[in-house]
């Protein structure tokens, strides 16, 4: 999903082949990463993307992508 997000943002700013290869990655940390999380706990994550993707892109494009997913039950 992160790679699709980066592609959607990048396709407007660069050549399609470069946008497709731009990529991105999710890292977990905190209690989830340590394996000491409980049911209903949040998952601390870090989304690493190329420099052409801005914070605003995450809160606009990724927000809309998450809203479309049926398994996402809470989104703020």
PDB file of N, CA and C in Angstrom:
ATOM      1  N   UNK A   1       0.829  -1.192   0.000  1.00  0.00           N
ATOM      2  CA  UNK A   1       0.000   0.000   0.000  1.00  0.00           C
ATOM      3  C   UNK A   1       0.881   1.265   0.000  1.00  0.00           C
ATOM      4  N   UNK A   2       1.991   1.212   0.714  1.00  0.00           N
ATOM      5  CA  UNK A   2       2.895   2.368   0.742  1.00  0.00           C
ATOM      6  C   UNK A   2       3.501   2.614  -0.632  1.00  0.00           C
ATOM      7  N   UNK A   3       3.871   1.546  -1.317  1.00  0.00           N
ATOM      8  CA  UNK A   3       4.432   1.707  -2.659  1.00  0.00           C
ATOM      9  C   UNK A   3       3.403   2.291  -3.619  1.00  0.00           C
ATOM     10  N   UNK A   4       2.147   1.876  -3.481  1.00  0.00           N
ATOM     11  CA  UNK A   4       1.072   2.430  -4.308  1.00  0.00           C
ATOM     12  C   UNK A   4       0.863   3.905  -3.983  1.00  0.00           C
ATOM     13  N   UNK A   5       0.919   4.249  -2.704  1.00  0.00           N
ATOM     14  CA  UNK A   5       0.798   5.640  -2.268  1.00  0.00           C
ATOM     15  C   UNK A   5       1.897   6.505  -2.888  1.00  0.00           C
ATOM     16  N   UNK A   6       3.135   6.033  -2.799  1.00  0.00           N
ATOM     17  CA  UNK A   6       4.261   6.786  -3.361  1.00  0.00           C
ATOM     18  C   UNK A   6       4.092   6.931  -4.874  1.00  0.00           C
ATOM     19  N   UNK A   7       3.652   5.875  -5.527  1.00  0.00           N
ATOM     20  CA  UNK A   7       3.421   5.938  -6.971  1.00  0.00           C
ATOM     21  C   UNK A   7       2.356   6.978  -7.310  1.00  0.00           C
ATOM     22  N   UNK A   8       1.239   6.948  -6.589  1.00  0.00           N
ATOM     23  CA  UNK A   8       0.153   7.897  -6.873  1.00  0.00           C
ATOM     24  C   UNK A   8       0.595   9.343  -6.723  1.00  0.00           C
ATOM     25  N   UNK A   9       1.418   9.606  -5.728  1.00  0.00           N
ATOM     26  CA  UNK A   9       1.918  10.971  -5.519  1.00  0.00           C
ATOM     27  C   UNK A   9       2.978  11.311  -6.566  1.00  0.00           C
ATOM     28  N   UNK A  10       3.859  10.374  -6.828  1.00  0.00           N
ATOM     29  CA  UNK A  10       5.004  10.635  -7.713  1.00  0.00           C
ATOM     30  C   UNK A  10       4.630  10.741  -9.183  1.00  0.00           C
ATOM     31  N   UNK A  11       3.585  10.053  -9.614  1.00  0.00           N
ATOM     32  CA  UNK A  11       3.226  10.040 -11.037  1.00  0.00           C
ATOM     33  C   UNK A  11       2.912  11.452 -11.548  1.00  0.00           C
ATOM     34  N   UNK A  12       2.486  12.336 -10.655  1.00  0.00           N
ATOM     35  CA  UNK A  12       2.195  13.715 -11.050  1.00  0.00           C
ATOM     36  C   UNK A  12       3.447  14.584 -11.107  1.00  0.00           C
ATOM     37  N   UNK A  13       4.567  14.066 -10.598  1.00  0.00           N
ATOM     38  CA  UNK A  13       5.766  14.883 -10.480  1.00  0.00           C
ATOM     39  C   UNK A  13       6.932  14.400 -11.329  1.00  0.00           C
ATOM     40  N   UNK A  14       6.840  13.160 -11.856  1.00  0.00           N
ATOM     41  CA  UNK A  14       7.980  12.599 -12.589  1.00  0.00           C
ATOM     42  C   UNK A  14       7.526  11.578 -13.609  1.00  0.00           C
ATOM     43  N   UNK A  15       8.456  11.086 -14.382  1.00  0.00           N
ATOM     44  CA  UNK A  15       8.200  10.065 -15.392  1.00  0.00           C
ATOM     45  C   UNK A  15       7.631   8.807 -14.724  1.00  0.00           C
ATOM     46  N   UNK A  16       6.728   8.114 -15.431  1.00  0.00           N
ATOM     47  CA  UNK A  16       6.060   6.939 -14.858  1.00  0.00           C
ATOM     48  C   UNK A  16       7.038   5.855 -14.429  1.00  0.00           C
ATOM     49  N   UNK A  17       8.044   5.572 -15.222  1.00  0.00           N
ATOM     50  CA  UNK A  17       8.992   4.506 -14.865  1.00  0.00           C
ATOM     51  C   UNK A  17       9.748   4.841 -13.584  1.00  0.00           C
ATOM     52  N   UNK A  18      10.101   6.092 -13.396  1.00  0.00           N
ATOM     53  CA  UNK A  18      10.786   6.517 -12.169  1.00  0.00           C
ATOM     54  C   UNK A  18       9.811   6.469 -10.992  1.00  0.00           C
ATOM     55  N   UNK A  19       8.574   6.909 -11.216  1.00  0.00           N
ATOM     56  CA  UNK A  19       7.565   6.884 -10.159  1.00  0.00           C
ATOM     57  C   UNK A  19       7.290   5.461  -9.697  1.00  0.00           C
ATOM     58  N   UNK A  20       7.252   4.521 -10.624  1.00  0.00           N
ATOM     59  CA  UNK A  20       6.981   3.128 -10.276  1.00  0.00           C
ATOM     60  C   UNK A  20       8.105   2.520  -9.442  1.00  0.00           C
ATOM     61  N   UNK A  21       9.321   2.974  -9.646  1.00  0.00           N
ATOM     62  CA  UNK A  21      10.474   2.439  -8.915  1.00  0.00           C
ATOM     63  C   UNK A  21      10.774   3.202  -7.627  1.00  0.00           C
ATOM     64  N   UNK A  22      10.054   4.293  -7.361  1.00  0.00           N
ATOM     65  CA  UNK A  22      10.359   5.155  -6.217  1.00  0.00           C
ATOM     66  C   UNK A  22      10.253   4.419  -4.888  1.00  0.00           C
ATOM     67  N   UNK A  23       9.232   3.604  -4.714  1.00  0.00           N
ATOM     68  CA  UNK A  23       9.092   2.782  -3.508  1.00  0.00           C
ATOM     69  C   UNK A  23       8.835   3.561  -2.239  1.00  0.00           C
ATOM     70  N   UNK A  24       8.882   2.857  -1.157  1.00  0.00           N
ATOM     71  CA  UNK A  24       8.655   3.375   0.172  1.00  0.00           C
ATOM     72  C   UNK A  24       8.639   2.193   1.124  1.00  0.00           C
ATOM     73  N   UNK A  25       8.725   2.445   2.414  1.00  0.00           N
ATOM     74  CA  UNK A  25       8.787   1.341   3.360  1.00  0.00           C
ATOM     75  C   UNK A  25       8.171   1.740   4.695  1.00  0.00           C
ATOM     76  N   UNK A  26       7.586   0.754   5.371  1.00  0.00           N
ATOM     77  CA  UNK A  26       7.000   0.940   6.698  1.00  0.00           C
ATOM     78  C   UNK A  26       7.886   0.246   7.733  1.00  0.00           C
ATOM     79  N   UNK A  27       8.158   0.934   8.831  1.00  0.00           N
ATOM     80  CA  UNK A  27       8.884   0.361   9.956  1.00  0.00           C
ATOM     81  C   UNK A  27       7.993   0.442  11.189  1.00  0.00           C
ATOM     82  N   UNK A  28       7.987  -0.604  11.987  1.00  0.00           N
ATOM     83  CA  UNK A  28       7.251  -0.583  13.252  1.00  0.00           C
ATOM     84  C   UNK A  28       8.241  -0.385  14.392  1.00  0.00           C
ATOM     85  N   UNK A  29       7.743   0.173  15.487  1.00  0.00           N
ATOM     86  CA  UNK A  29       8.580   0.354  16.670  1.00  0.00           C
ATOM     87  C   UNK A  29       7.677   0.363  17.895  1.00  0.00           C
ATOM     88  N   UNK A  30       8.236   0.620  19.041  1.00  0.00           N
ATOM     89  CA  UNK A  30       7.440   0.646  20.268  1.00  0.00           C
ATOM     90  C   UNK A  30       7.037  -0.749  20.729  1.00  0.00           C
ATOM     91  N   UNK A  31       5.918  -0.814  21.447  1.00  0.00           N
ATOM     92  CA  UNK A  31       5.482  -2.087  22.032  1.00  0.00           C
ATOM     93  C   UNK A  31       5.187  -3.146  20.976  1.00  0.00           C
ATOM     94  N   UNK A  32       4.686  -2.731  19.822  1.00  0.00           N
ATOM     95  CA  UNK A  32       4.413  -3.705  18.752  1.00  0.00           C
ATOM     96  C   UNK A  32       5.713  -4.369  18.294  1.00  0.00           C
ATOM     97  N   UNK A  33       6.717  -3.578  18.051  1.00  0.00           N
ATOM     98  CA  UNK A  33       8.014  -4.100  17.582  1.00  0.00           C
ATOM     99  C   UNK A  33       8.663  -4.989  18.642  1.00  0.00           C
ATOM    100  N   UNK A  34       8.459  -4.652  19.913  1.00  0.00           N
ATOM    101  CA  UNK A  34       9.034  -5.438  21.001  1.00  0.00           C
ATOM    102  C   UNK A  34       8.228  -6.703  21.288  1.00  0.00           C
ATOM    103  N   UNK A  35       7.027  -6.786  20.707  1.00  0.00           N
ATOM    104  CA  UNK A  35       6.191  -7.959  20.905  1.00  0.00           C
ATOM    105  C   UNK A  35       5.464  -7.978  22.233  1.00  0.00           C
ATOM    106  N   UNK A  36       5.277  -6.810  22.834  1.00  0.00           N
ATOM    107  CA  UNK A  36       4.607  -6.738  24.141  1.00  0.00           C
ATOM    108  C   UNK A  36       3.297  -5.945  24.069  1.00  0.00           C
ATOM    109  N   UNK A  37       2.703  -5.892  22.896  1.00  0.00           N
ATOM    110  CA  UNK A  37       1.443  -5.170  22.712  1.00  0.00           C
ATOM    111  C   UNK A  37       0.267  -6.071  23.103  1.00  0.00           C
ATOM    112  N   UNK A  38      -0.847  -5.431  23.406  1.00  0.00           N
ATOM    113  CA  UNK A  38      -2.044  -6.178  23.755  1.00  0.00           C
ATOM    114  C   UNK A  38      -3.153  -5.927  22.752  1.00  0.00           C
ATOM    115  N   UNK A  39      -4.248  -6.638  22.909  1.00  0.00           N
ATOM    116  CA  UNK A  39      -5.409  -6.475  22.041  1.00  0.00           C
ATOM    117  C   UNK A  39      -5.907  -5.035  22.120  1.00  0.00           C
ATOM    118  N   UNK A  40      -6.160  -4.446  20.964  1.00  0.00           N
ATOM    119  CA  UNK A  40      -6.672  -3.082  20.909  1.00  0.00           C
ATOM    120  C   UNK A  40      -5.606  -2.009  21.016  1.00  0.00           C
ATOM    121  N   UNK A  41      -4.346  -2.396  21.163  1.00  0.00           N
ATOM    122  CA  UNK A  41      -3.271  -1.410  21.263  1.00  0.00           C
ATOM    123  C   UNK A  41      -2.994  -0.792  19.899  1.00  0.00           C
ATOM    124  N   UNK A  42      -2.443   0.404  19.910  1.00  0.00           N
ATOM    125  CA  UNK A  42      -2.059   1.029  18.647  1.00  0.00           C
ATOM    126  C   UNK A  42      -0.741   0.428  18.173  1.00  0.00           C
ATOM    127  N   UNK A  43      -0.424   0.666  16.910  1.00  0.00           N
ATOM    128  CA  UNK A  43       0.831   0.190  16.339  1.00  0.00           C
ATOM    129  C   UNK A  43       1.619   1.420  15.897  1.00  0.00           C
ATOM    130  N   UNK A  44       2.752   1.637  16.542  1.00  0.00           N
ATOM    131  CA  UNK A  44       3.614   2.766  16.189  1.00  0.00           C
ATOM    132  C   UNK A  44       4.340   2.425  14.902  1.00  0.00           C
ATOM    133  N   UNK A  45       4.196   3.285  13.896  1.00  0.00           N
ATOM    134  CA  UNK A  45       4.812   3.032  12.599  1.00  0.00           C
ATOM    135  C   UNK A  45       5.498   4.279  12.058  1.00  0.00           C
ATOM    136  N   UNK A  46       6.482   4.046  11.224  1.00  0.00           N
ATOM    137  CA  UNK A  46       7.191   5.106  10.530  1.00  0.00           C
ATOM    138  C   UNK A  46       7.126   4.789   9.045  1.00  0.00           C
ATOM    139  N   UNK A  47       6.660   5.736   8.259  1.00  0.00           N
ATOM    140  CA  UNK A  47       6.543   5.566   6.819  1.00  0.00           C
ATOM    141  C   UNK A  47       7.682   6.352   6.161  1.00  0.00           C
ATOM    142  N   UNK A  48       8.610   5.634   5.533  1.00  0.00           N
ATOM    143  CA  UNK A  48       9.764   6.266   4.891  1.00  0.00           C
ATOM    144  C   UNK A  48       9.509   6.304   3.386  1.00  0.00           C
ATOM    145  N   UNK A  49       9.566   7.511   2.820  1.00  0.00           N
ATOM    146  CA  UNK A  49       9.245   7.720   1.407  1.00  0.00           C
ATOM    147  C   UNK A  49      10.302   8.623   0.768  1.00  0.00           C
ATOM    148  N   UNK A  50      10.354   8.674  -0.562  1.00  0.00           N
ATOM    149  CA  UNK A  50      11.302   9.570  -1.236  1.00  0.00           C
ATOM    150  C   UNK A  50      11.007  11.037  -0.919  1.00  0.00           C
ATOM    151  N   UNK A  51      11.995  11.875  -1.149  1.00  0.00           N
ATOM    152  CA  UNK A  51      11.871  13.289  -0.783  1.00  0.00           C
ATOM    153  C   UNK A  51      10.816  14.048  -1.578  1.00  0.00           C
ATOM    154  N   UNK A  52      10.374  13.517  -2.714  1.00  0.00           N
ATOM    155  CA  UNK A  52       9.344  14.218  -3.482  1.00  0.00           C
ATOM    156  C   UNK A  52       7.946  14.061  -2.859  1.00  0.00           C
ATOM    157  N   UNK A  53       7.796  13.155  -1.909  1.00  0.00           N
ATOM    158  CA  UNK A  53       6.521  12.951  -1.224  1.00  0.00           C
ATOM    159  C   UNK A  53       6.527  13.814   0.035  1.00  0.00           C
ATOM    160  N   UNK A  54       5.518  14.652   0.169  1.00  0.00           N
ATOM    161  CA  UNK A  54       5.448  15.595   1.277  1.00  0.00           C
ATOM    162  C   UNK A  54       4.489  15.115   2.363  1.00  0.00           C
ATOM    163  N   UNK A  55       4.606  15.690   3.530  1.00  0.00           N
ATOM    164  CA  UNK A  55       3.718  15.378   4.660  1.00  0.00           C
ATOM    165  C   UNK A  55       2.250  15.564   4.262  1.00  0.00           C
ATOM    166  N   UNK A  56       1.961  16.621   3.522  1.00  0.00           N
ATOM    167  CA  UNK A  56       0.592  16.894   3.090  1.00  0.00           C
ATOM    168  C   UNK A  56       0.050  15.760   2.217  1.00  0.00           C
ATOM    169  N   UNK A  57       0.914  15.169   1.403  1.00  0.00           N
ATOM    170  CA  UNK A  57       0.511  14.050   0.553  1.00  0.00           C
ATOM    171  C   UNK A  57       0.029  12.883   1.403  1.00  0.00           C
ATOM    172  N   UNK A  58       0.733  12.631   2.498  1.00  0.00           N
ATOM    173  CA  UNK A  58       0.332  11.531   3.376  1.00  0.00           C
ATOM    174  C   UNK A  58      -1.060  11.799   3.941  1.00  0.00           C
ATOM    175  N   UNK A  59      -1.282  12.994   4.458  1.00  0.00           N
ATOM    176  CA  UNK A  59      -2.556  13.291   5.102  1.00  0.00           C
ATOM    177  C   UNK A  59      -3.698  13.500   4.113  1.00  0.00           C
ATOM    178  N   UNK A  60      -3.401  13.627   2.859  1.00  0.00           N
ATOM    179  CA  UNK A  60      -4.450  13.736   1.848  1.00  0.00           C
ATOM    180  C   UNK A  60      -4.609  12.409   1.089  1.00  0.00           C
ATOM    181  N   UNK A  61      -3.582  12.003   0.363  1.00  0.00           N
ATOM    182  CA  UNK A  61      -3.673  10.819  -0.487  1.00  0.00           C
ATOM    183  C   UNK A  61      -3.779   9.531   0.322  1.00  0.00           C
ATOM    184  N   UNK A  62      -2.887   9.348   1.298  1.00  0.00           N
ATOM    185  CA  UNK A  62      -2.929   8.117   2.098  1.00  0.00           C
ATOM    186  C   UNK A  62      -4.213   8.044   2.912  1.00  0.00           C
ATOM    187  N   UNK A  63      -4.677   9.171   3.398  1.00  0.00           N
ATOM    188  CA  UNK A  63      -5.942   9.203   4.143  1.00  0.00           C
ATOM    189  C   UNK A  63      -7.078   8.664   3.280  1.00  0.00           C
ATOM    190  N   UNK A  64      -7.161   9.127   2.042  1.00  0.00           N
ATOM    191  CA  UNK A  64      -8.218   8.665   1.138  1.00  0.00           C
ATOM    192  C   UNK A  64      -8.059   7.179   0.821  1.00  0.00           C
ATOM    193  N   UNK A  65      -6.828   6.730   0.660  1.00  0.00           N
ATOM    194  CA  UNK A  65      -6.584   5.312   0.388  1.00  0.00           C
ATOM    195  C   UNK A  65      -7.028   4.450   1.575  1.00  0.00           C
ATOM    196  N   UNK A  66      -6.747   4.902   2.780  1.00  0.00           N
ATOM    197  CA  UNK A  66      -7.150   4.149   3.969  1.00  0.00           C
ATOM    198  C   UNK A  66      -8.661   4.127   4.143  1.00  0.00           C
ATOM    199  N   UNK A  67      -9.323   5.243   3.813  1.00  0.00           N
ATOM    200  CA  UNK A  67     -10.786   5.297   3.914  1.00  0.00           C
ATOM    201  C   UNK A  67     -11.453   4.260   3.023  1.00  0.00           C
ATOM    202  N   UNK A  68     -10.835   3.943   1.894  1.00  0.00           N
ATOM    203  CA  UNK A  68     -11.392   2.988   0.938  1.00  0.00           C
ATOM    204  C   UNK A  68     -11.273   1.537   1.400  1.00  0.00           C
ATOM    205  N   UNK A  69     -10.452   1.265   2.402  1.00  0.00           N
ATOM    206  CA  UNK A  69     -10.194  -0.116   2.842  1.00  0.00           C
ATOM    207  C   UNK A  69     -11.237  -0.549   3.866  1.00  0.00           C
ATOM    208  N   UNK A  70     -11.939  -1.649   3.612  1.00  0.00           N
ATOM    209  CA  UNK A  70     -12.993  -2.099   4.530  1.00  0.00           C
ATOM    210  C   UNK A  70     -12.477  -2.529   5.899  1.00  0.00           C
ATOM    211  N   UNK A  71     -11.221  -2.966   5.978  1.00  0.00           N
ATOM    212  CA  UNK A  71     -10.689  -3.403   7.267  1.00  0.00           C
ATOM    213  C   UNK A  71     -10.288  -2.249   8.181  1.00  0.00           C
ATOM    214  N   UNK A  72     -10.254  -1.025   7.654  1.00  0.00           N
ATOM    215  CA  UNK A  72      -9.952   0.142   8.481  1.00  0.00           C
ATOM    216  C   UNK A  72     -11.254   0.606   9.135  1.00  0.00           C
ATOM    217  N   UNK A  73     -11.298   0.506  10.446  1.00  0.00           N
ATOM    218  CA  UNK A  73     -12.539   0.827  11.181  1.00  0.00           C
ATOM    219  C   UNK A  73     -12.481   2.177  11.879  1.00  0.00           C
ATOM    220  N   UNK A  74     -11.286   2.674  12.167  1.00  0.00           N
ATOM    221  CA  UNK A  74     -11.137   3.980  12.800  1.00  0.00           C
ATOM    222  C   UNK A  74     -10.010   4.734  12.115  1.00  0.00           C
ATOM    223  N   UNK A  75     -10.267   5.979  11.740  1.00  0.00           N
ATOM    224  CA  UNK A  75      -9.261   6.772  11.039  1.00  0.00           C
ATOM    225  C   UNK A  75      -9.429   8.231  11.434  1.00  0.00           C
ATOM    226  N   UNK A  76      -8.388   8.798  12.043  1.00  0.00           N
ATOM    227  CA  UNK A  76      -8.432  10.220  12.412  1.00  0.00           C
ATOM    228  C   UNK A  76      -7.184  10.906  11.922  1.00  0.00           C
TER     229      UNK A  76
END
